[in-house]
Every structure is written in C-alpha cells, then in structure tokens.
Amino acid sequence: MAKQRASSGGAALGLALAALLSILAFSAPVYASKPATETFTVIQAQPVIKHVDLGSPGGSHGDMLAFEAPFTTESGAKGVMSGIIITVALPGGDGDEHFDRVGNIVLDFGGVDSLVLAGKSLYGTGEGEMNKDTPQVRAVTGGTGRYIGARGQITTTRDTSGEYKHVVELLK
C-alpha cells in the first residue's frame, strides 16, 4: 500500500508540475520586440567633444569622452544632447579594429522633459566619434516630465557631414 501511495503521489506530482508549466508557458510575458507606440527623429549637430586620457597613455580601458550638441526634432522642438562615453574594451585580434564604449546620454528637451539613454557603441581605432553610416542601437532607460517612465530604444547613425540622426522608438 505504501508503494501504491508513493506511485500515485509521484503521478500526482508529475501532473501538477505539467499543469504549472502549461500555466507559466501561456502567462509568461513575450520578450520579442514590441511595436513602438511613439517614434520620432532627432537630428543632432556635430558635437563638441572633450577626450580625457585616463590610465595608460593613449587608448586604454577607462578613457572617457564627454560631449554636448544641440538637436532639433522633426517637429521643430529643440534641445541639447549630452553624455559621457567610457572605453570598456580595446581592439582585439582577428581583424577587430574597434573600441567598445559604454555611454550614458541625456536628451534634454528643456524644462523637465528629458530622455535617458544607455548602451554600448563601437568606435573605430583612433576615432573620436562613431563610425560613419554604421547604425548603433542603445536603450532608452527612462525619462522625466513628458517622458517619465519611458523605455524603448534609439538608433543612431552618424552621416558623412558629421551630423547624427537618432530614431527614437518608445514603448508605452
């Protein structure tokens, strides 16, 4: 009888586990890309950049650059973009010719309205700015004012004139 109870207990546990997994599978959030609920474009003028050589002389881990540049949205709104970019990986072997850099950036629309951005980008060896015509994607991690609680992504492309085009995709 104890053997029969253990056997039926194991079967019940298996059924309960299967039911739980089914519930989780159908109630788990979907992490695929969601469509943006607001998309707009920002054109940023050529930035003023200050390079700070930290640590070993020349390009090394921890080097920093700070920048600031005015921007205009497609609707005519104006603001200032500023950020700090830090080198986190140097070019490696096998044809890698890029510095990996991590940045914290703010799009300041004036007043209390701002978007906060974070993420990684690649810079060519010896380059003080992103490679031209090579889109870089970063996260929108928050905001203030009109953008409180914002999340989404921003795709940035530097063009041949030195201007930057940012496509902002926000989820609500």
Protein backbone atom coordinates (compact mmCIF):
# COMPACT_ATOMS: atom_id res chain seq x y z
CA MET A 1 0.00 0.00 0.00
CA ALA A 2 2.86 2.41 0.77
CA LYS A 3 4.29 1.56 -2.63
CA GLN A 4 0.93 2.33 -4.29
CA ARG A 5 0.70 5.69 -2.45
CA ALA A 6 4.25 6.64 -3.50
CA SER A 7 3.44 5.71 -7.08
CA SER A 8 0.20 7.67 -7.16
CA GLY A 9 1.89 10.57 -5.30
CA GLY A 10 4.59 10.68 -7.99
CA ALA A 11 1.95 10.68 -10.72
CA ALA A 12 0.06 13.49 -9.00
CA LEU A 13 3.25 15.48 -8.63
CA GLY A 14 4.01 14.95 -12.32
CA LEU A 15 0.52 16.13 -13.30
CA ALA A 16 0.78 19.16 -11.03
CA LEU A 17 4.18 20.03 -12.49
CA ALA A 18 2.84 19.67 -16.06
CA ALA A 19 -0.13 21.90 -15.22
CA LEU A 20 2.14 24.52 -13.65
CA LEU A 21 4.45 24.55 -16.67
CA SER A 22 1.45 24.95 -19.00
CA ILE A 23 0.17 27.89 -17.00
CA LEU A 24 3.59 29.53 -16.99
CA ALA A 25 4.05 28.98 -20.72
CA PHE A 26 0.78 30.72 -21.54
CA SER A 27 1.03 33.50 -18.97
CA ALA A 28 4.73 34.39 -19.35
CA PRO A 29 5.37 37.73 -20.99
CA VAL A 30 6.57 37.67 -24.56
CA TYR A 31 10.02 39.19 -24.84
CA ALA A 32 10.07 39.62 -28.61
CA SER A 33 10.20 43.14 -29.97
CA LYS A 34 7.04 45.09 -29.33
CA PRO A 35 5.92 47.75 -31.78
CA ALA A 36 6.80 51.27 -30.74
CA THR A 37 3.90 53.46 -29.69
CA GLU A 38 5.80 56.66 -30.41
CA THR A 39 8.59 57.13 -32.95
CA PHE A 40 10.35 60.36 -33.81
CA THR A 41 13.61 61.51 -35.33
CA VAL A 42 16.19 63.81 -33.79
CA ILE A 43 18.89 65.50 -35.88
CA GLN A 44 21.92 66.36 -33.79
CA ALA A 45 24.55 68.86 -34.90
CA GLN A 46 28.21 67.93 -34.78
CA PRO A 47 29.11 67.57 -31.09
CA VAL A 48 31.69 69.41 -29.04
CA ILE A 49 33.82 66.58 -27.63
CA LYS A 50 36.36 66.53 -24.80
CA HIS A 51 38.62 63.47 -24.67
CA VAL A 52 40.06 62.51 -21.28
CA ASP A 53 43.01 60.09 -21.38
CA LEU A 54 42.86 58.10 -18.15
CA GLY A 55 45.17 55.31 -17.05
CA SER A 56 47.85 54.28 -19.54
CA PRO A 57 48.82 56.91 -22.12
CA GLY A 58 46.95 56.52 -25.41
CA GLY A 59 43.83 54.44 -25.96
CA SER A 60 43.19 52.35 -22.85
CA HIS A 61 40.43 50.99 -20.62
CA GLY A 62 38.60 53.72 -18.76
CA ASP A 63 39.37 56.53 -21.21
CA MET A 64 36.44 58.89 -21.34
CA LEU A 65 34.91 61.40 -23.65
CA ALA A 66 32.28 63.93 -22.77
CA PHE A 67 30.14 65.62 -25.39
CA GLU A 68 27.38 68.12 -25.91
CA ALA A 69 25.45 69.07 -29.04
CA PRO A 70 22.23 70.89 -29.94
CA PHE A 71 19.45 68.93 -31.62
CA THR A 72 16.18 69.52 -33.43
CA THR A 73 13.30 67.05 -33.74
CA GLU A 74 11.34 66.56 -36.95
CA SER A 75 8.52 68.60 -35.37
CA GLY A 76 10.89 71.52 -34.73
CA ALA A 77 11.44 71.04 -31.00
CA LYS A 78 14.95 71.93 -29.91
CA GLY A 79 17.16 70.68 -27.13
CA VAL A 80 20.63 69.64 -26.06
CA MET A 81 22.14 66.16 -26.06
CA SER A 82 24.98 65.48 -23.64
CA GLY A 83 26.76 62.40 -22.47
CA ILE A 84 29.76 60.58 -21.12
CA ILE A 85 31.24 57.68 -23.07
CA ILE A 86 33.80 55.32 -21.46
CA THR A 87 36.11 52.85 -23.22
CA VAL A 88 35.49 49.33 -21.92
CA ALA A 89 37.28 47.14 -24.50
CA LEU A 90 40.22 47.70 -26.79
CA PRO A 91 40.60 46.28 -30.29
CA GLY A 92 41.42 42.59 -30.11
CA GLY A 93 42.97 40.25 -32.63
CA ASP A 94 41.28 38.64 -35.62
CA GLY A 95 40.66 41.87 -37.53
CA ASP A 96 38.85 43.65 -34.67
CA GLU A 97 39.50 47.35 -35.22
CA HIS A 98 37.01 48.83 -32.76
CA PHE A 99 36.96 50.28 -29.29
CA ASP A 100 33.87 49.18 -27.37
CA ARG A 101 32.45 52.08 -25.41
CA VAL A 102 29.59 52.35 -22.95
CA GLY A 103 27.68 55.58 -22.61
CA ASN A 104 25.17 57.44 -20.51
CA ILE A 105 23.41 60.09 -22.56
CA VAL A 106 20.62 62.60 -21.90
CA LEU A 107 18.33 64.20 -24.48
CA ASP A 108 17.26 67.42 -22.73
CA PHE A 109 14.13 68.90 -24.35
CA GLY A 110 14.04 71.83 -21.92
CA GLY A 111 12.09 72.30 -18.74
CA VAL A 112 11.71 68.93 -17.04
CA ASP A 113 11.36 66.89 -20.25
CA SER A 114 14.28 64.53 -20.90
CA LEU A 115 15.10 61.04 -22.12
CA VAL A 116 17.89 58.99 -20.57
CA LEU A 117 19.86 56.61 -22.81
CA ALA A 118 22.43 53.93 -22.07
CA GLY A 119 24.27 51.32 -24.03
CA LYS A 120 27.31 50.23 -25.98
CA SER A 121 28.70 51.51 -29.26
CA LEU A 122 31.69 50.80 -31.44
CA TYR A 123 34.26 53.39 -32.40
CA GLY A 124 36.97 52.79 -34.98
CA THR A 125 40.56 52.59 -33.75
CA GLY A 126 41.82 56.11 -33.19
CA GLU A 127 38.39 57.62 -33.85
CA GLY A 128 36.88 60.20 -31.52
CA GLU A 129 33.36 59.67 -32.87
CA MET A 130 31.19 56.78 -34.00
CA ASN A 131 31.92 55.29 -37.41
CA LYS A 132 30.03 57.00 -40.23
CA ASP A 133 26.99 55.26 -41.72
CA THR A 134 27.09 52.48 -39.09
CA PRO A 135 23.88 52.43 -37.01
CA GLN A 136 24.28 51.91 -33.26
CA VAL A 137 21.36 50.91 -31.03
CA ARG A 138 21.09 51.89 -27.37
CA ALA A 139 18.36 51.57 -24.75
CA VAL A 140 16.02 54.29 -23.61
CA THR A 141 16.21 53.63 -19.87
CA GLY A 142 13.92 56.32 -18.56
CA GLY A 143 12.93 59.91 -18.67
CA THR A 144 11.45 62.86 -16.85
CA GLY A 145 8.48 65.17 -17.36
CA ARG A 146 6.56 64.20 -20.50
CA TYR A 147 8.81 61.11 -20.79
CA ILE A 148 8.51 59.82 -17.21
CA GLY A 149 8.91 56.04 -17.19
CA ALA A 150 9.96 55.95 -20.86
CA ARG A 151 11.51 52.80 -22.28
CA GLY A 152 12.46 51.75 -25.76
CA GLN A 153 15.46 52.18 -27.99
CA ILE A 154 17.30 54.77 -30.02
CA THR A 155 19.14 54.01 -33.26
CA THR A 156 21.93 56.48 -34.00
CA THR A 157 23.70 56.98 -37.33
CA ARG A 158 26.49 59.47 -37.99
CA ASP A 159 26.38 60.78 -41.54
CA THR A 160 29.22 61.97 -43.77
CA SER A 161 28.59 65.63 -42.82
CA GLY A 162 29.24 64.87 -39.13
CA GLU A 163 25.60 65.23 -38.07
CA TYR A 164 23.86 62.44 -36.18
CA LYS A 165 20.40 61.10 -36.90
CA HIS A 166 18.65 59.46 -33.95
CA VAL A 167 15.45 57.46 -34.41
CA VAL A 168 13.72 57.22 -31.04
CA GLU A 169 11.23 54.36 -30.53
CA LEU A 170 9.29 54.50 -27.30
CA LEU A 171 7.01 51.88 -25.76
CA LYS A 172 4.12 52.94 -23.58
